Amino acid sequence: MQHNEASGVPSLNARTIEGVEILCPSSEEQTAIATVLADLDAEIAALEARLAKARLPRGRPAPGFQENNPFFLKKYYPFVHASR
């Protein structure tokens, strides 16, 4: 495939574009790829949920220590940005 570069700027015309071959997988293969990607998305979501659960504090804070206390939030939930 040759391009006209006489002006120094490559150009495309209809004839050049018509000569471009685009390879696409079959519908069945596209469906199989989409299924694998959807399964991976579900696995990532499950792992993210497990990670979030693992980051939660274990045990209870001392009696009278409020969970909405900014010091509690900063210590046990550093990934949560409290606007209080």
C-alpha atoms as a PDB file:
ATOM      1  CA  MET A   1       0.000   0.000   0.000  1.00  0.00           C
ATOM      2  CA  GLN A   2       1.442   3.372  -0.993  1.00  0.00           C
ATOM      3  CA  HIS A   3       0.481   6.803   0.266  1.00  0.00           C
ATOM      4  CA  ASN A   4       0.868  10.066  -1.571  1.00  0.00           C
ATOM      5  CA  GLU A   5       3.426  12.069   0.365  1.00  0.00           C
ATOM      6  CA  ALA A   6       4.393  14.502  -2.373  1.00  0.00           C
ATOM      7  CA  SER A   7       3.333  17.468  -0.250  1.00  0.00           C
ATOM      8  CA  GLY A   8       5.242  16.169   2.767  1.00  0.00           C
ATOM      9  CA  VAL A   9       1.956  15.518   4.556  1.00  0.00           C
ATOM     10  CA  PRO A  10       0.582  11.990   4.277  1.00  0.00           C
ATOM     11  CA  SER A  11      -2.947  11.965   2.896  1.00  0.00           C
ATOM     12  CA  LEU A  12      -5.707   9.405   2.806  1.00  0.00           C
ATOM     13  CA  ASN A  13      -8.273   9.109   0.092  1.00  0.00           C
ATOM     14  CA  ALA A  14     -11.110   6.706  -0.590  1.00  0.00           C
ATOM     15  CA  ARG A  15      -8.930   4.400  -2.683  1.00  0.00           C
ATOM     16  CA  THR A  16      -6.342   4.101   0.120  1.00  0.00           C
ATOM     17  CA  ILE A  17      -8.993   3.420   2.748  1.00  0.00           C
ATOM     18  CA  GLU A  18     -10.742   0.848   0.552  1.00  0.00           C
ATOM     19  CA  GLY A  19      -7.476  -1.075   0.395  1.00  0.00           C
ATOM     20  CA  VAL A  20      -7.141  -1.385   4.159  1.00  0.00           C
ATOM     21  CA  GLU A  21      -7.967  -4.850   5.440  1.00  0.00           C
ATOM     22  CA  ILE A  22      -9.496  -5.019   8.924  1.00  0.00           C
ATOM     23  CA  LEU A  23      -9.451  -8.369  10.679  1.00  0.00           C
ATOM     24  CA  CYS A  24     -12.186  -9.054  13.240  1.00  0.00           C
ATOM     25  CA  PRO A  25     -12.815 -12.209  15.249  1.00  0.00           C
ATOM     26  CA  SER A  26     -15.995 -14.134  14.520  1.00  0.00           C
ATOM     27  CA  SER A  27     -19.156 -13.405  16.534  1.00  0.00           C
ATOM     28  CA  GLU A  28     -18.615 -16.580  18.531  1.00  0.00           C
ATOM     29  CA  GLU A  29     -15.047 -15.591  19.393  1.00  0.00           C
ATOM     30  CA  GLN A  30     -16.142 -12.052  20.313  1.00  0.00           C
ATOM     31  CA  THR A  31     -18.786 -13.530  22.627  1.00  0.00           C
ATOM     32  CA  ALA A  32     -16.200 -15.819  24.220  1.00  0.00           C
ATOM     33  CA  ILE A  33     -13.847 -12.868  24.774  1.00  0.00           C
ATOM     34  CA  ALA A  34     -16.660 -10.784  26.284  1.00  0.00           C
ATOM     35  CA  THR A  35     -17.568 -13.672  28.608  1.00  0.00           C
ATOM     36  CA  VAL A  36     -13.989 -13.979  29.848  1.00  0.00           C
ATOM     37  CA  LEU A  37     -13.778 -10.211  30.426  1.00  0.00           C
ATOM     38  CA  ALA A  38     -17.112 -10.212  32.298  1.00  0.00           C
ATOM     39  CA  ASP A  39     -15.863 -13.071  34.496  1.00  0.00           C
ATOM     40  CA  LEU A  40     -12.677 -11.130  35.204  1.00  0.00           C
ATOM     41  CA  ASP A  41     -14.719  -8.040  36.115  1.00  0.00           C
ATOM     42  CA  ALA A  42     -16.747 -10.122  38.570  1.00  0.00           C
ATOM     43  CA  GLU A  43     -13.580 -11.590  40.087  1.00  0.00           C
ATOM     44  CA  ILE A  44     -12.035  -8.131  40.466  1.00  0.00           C
ATOM     45  CA  ALA A  45     -15.202  -6.846  42.153  1.00  0.00           C
ATOM     46  CA  ALA A  46     -15.171  -9.812  44.558  1.00  0.00           C
ATOM     47  CA  LEU A  47     -11.492  -9.218  45.395  1.00  0.00           C
ATOM     48  CA  GLU A  48     -12.129  -5.499  45.947  1.00  0.00           C
ATOM     49  CA  ALA A  49     -14.988  -6.365  48.311  1.00  0.00           C
ATOM     50  CA  ARG A  50     -12.732  -8.767  50.235  1.00  0.00           C
ATOM     51  CA  LEU A  51     -10.046  -6.087  50.454  1.00  0.00           C
ATOM     52  CA  ALA A  52     -12.520  -3.500  51.735  1.00  0.00           C
ATOM     53  CA  LYS A  53     -13.763  -5.976  54.334  1.00  0.00           C
ATOM     54  CA  ALA A  54     -10.186  -6.775  55.395  1.00  0.00           C
ATOM     55  CA  ARG A  55      -9.544  -3.068  55.957  1.00  0.00           C
ATOM     56  CA  LEU A  56     -12.405  -2.766  58.437  1.00  0.00           C
ATOM     57  CA  PRO A  57     -11.355  -2.552  62.074  1.00  0.00           C
ATOM     58  CA  ARG A  58     -11.458  -5.760  64.066  1.00  0.00           C
ATOM     59  CA  GLY A  59     -12.944  -5.570  67.474  1.00  0.00           C
ATOM     60  CA  ARG A  60     -14.793  -2.671  69.011  1.00  0.00           C
ATOM     61  CA  PRO A  61     -13.599   0.732  70.062  1.00  0.00           C
ATOM     62  CA  ALA A  62     -13.473   1.573  73.758  1.00  0.00           C
ATOM     63  CA  PRO A  63     -16.909   2.231  75.346  1.00  0.00           C
ATOM     64  CA  GLY A  64     -18.071   5.795  74.816  1.00  0.00           C
ATOM     65  CA  PHE A  65     -15.805   6.277  71.793  1.00  0.00           C
ATOM     66  CA  GLN A  66     -18.070   7.446  68.989  1.00  0.00           C
ATOM     67  CA  GLU A  67     -17.614   6.038  65.507  1.00  0.00           C
ATOM     68  CA  ASN A  68     -18.304   9.459  64.020  1.00  0.00           C
ATOM     69  CA  ASN A  69     -15.308  10.829  65.901  1.00  0.00           C
ATOM     70  CA  PRO A  70     -12.816  12.081  63.252  1.00  0.00           C
ATOM     71  CA  PHE A  71      -9.881  10.513  65.110  1.00  0.00           C
ATOM     72  CA  PHE A  72     -11.592   7.101  65.030  1.00  0.00           C
ATOM     73  CA  LEU A  73     -12.354   7.491  61.328  1.00  0.00           C
ATOM     74  CA  LYS A  74      -8.795   8.554  60.520  1.00  0.00           C
ATOM     75  CA  LYS A  75      -7.287   5.628  62.468  1.00  0.00           C
ATOM     76  CA  TYR A  76      -9.610   2.828  61.351  1.00  0.00           C
ATOM     77  CA  TYR A  77     -10.854   4.117  58.006  1.00  0.00           C
ATOM     78  CA  PRO A  78      -7.927   6.059  56.492  1.00  0.00           C
ATOM     79  CA  PHE A  79      -9.264   5.443  52.975  1.00  0.00           C
ATOM     80  CA  VAL A  80     -12.566   7.219  53.773  1.00  0.00           C
ATOM     81  CA  HIS A  81     -12.504  10.990  53.490  1.00  0.00           C
ATOM     82  CA  ALA A  82     -14.800  12.301  56.218  1.00  0.00           C
ATOM     83  CA  SER A  83     -16.253  15.718  55.515  1.00  0.00           C
ATOM     84  CA  ARG A  84     -16.968  16.365  59.199  1.00  0.00           C
END
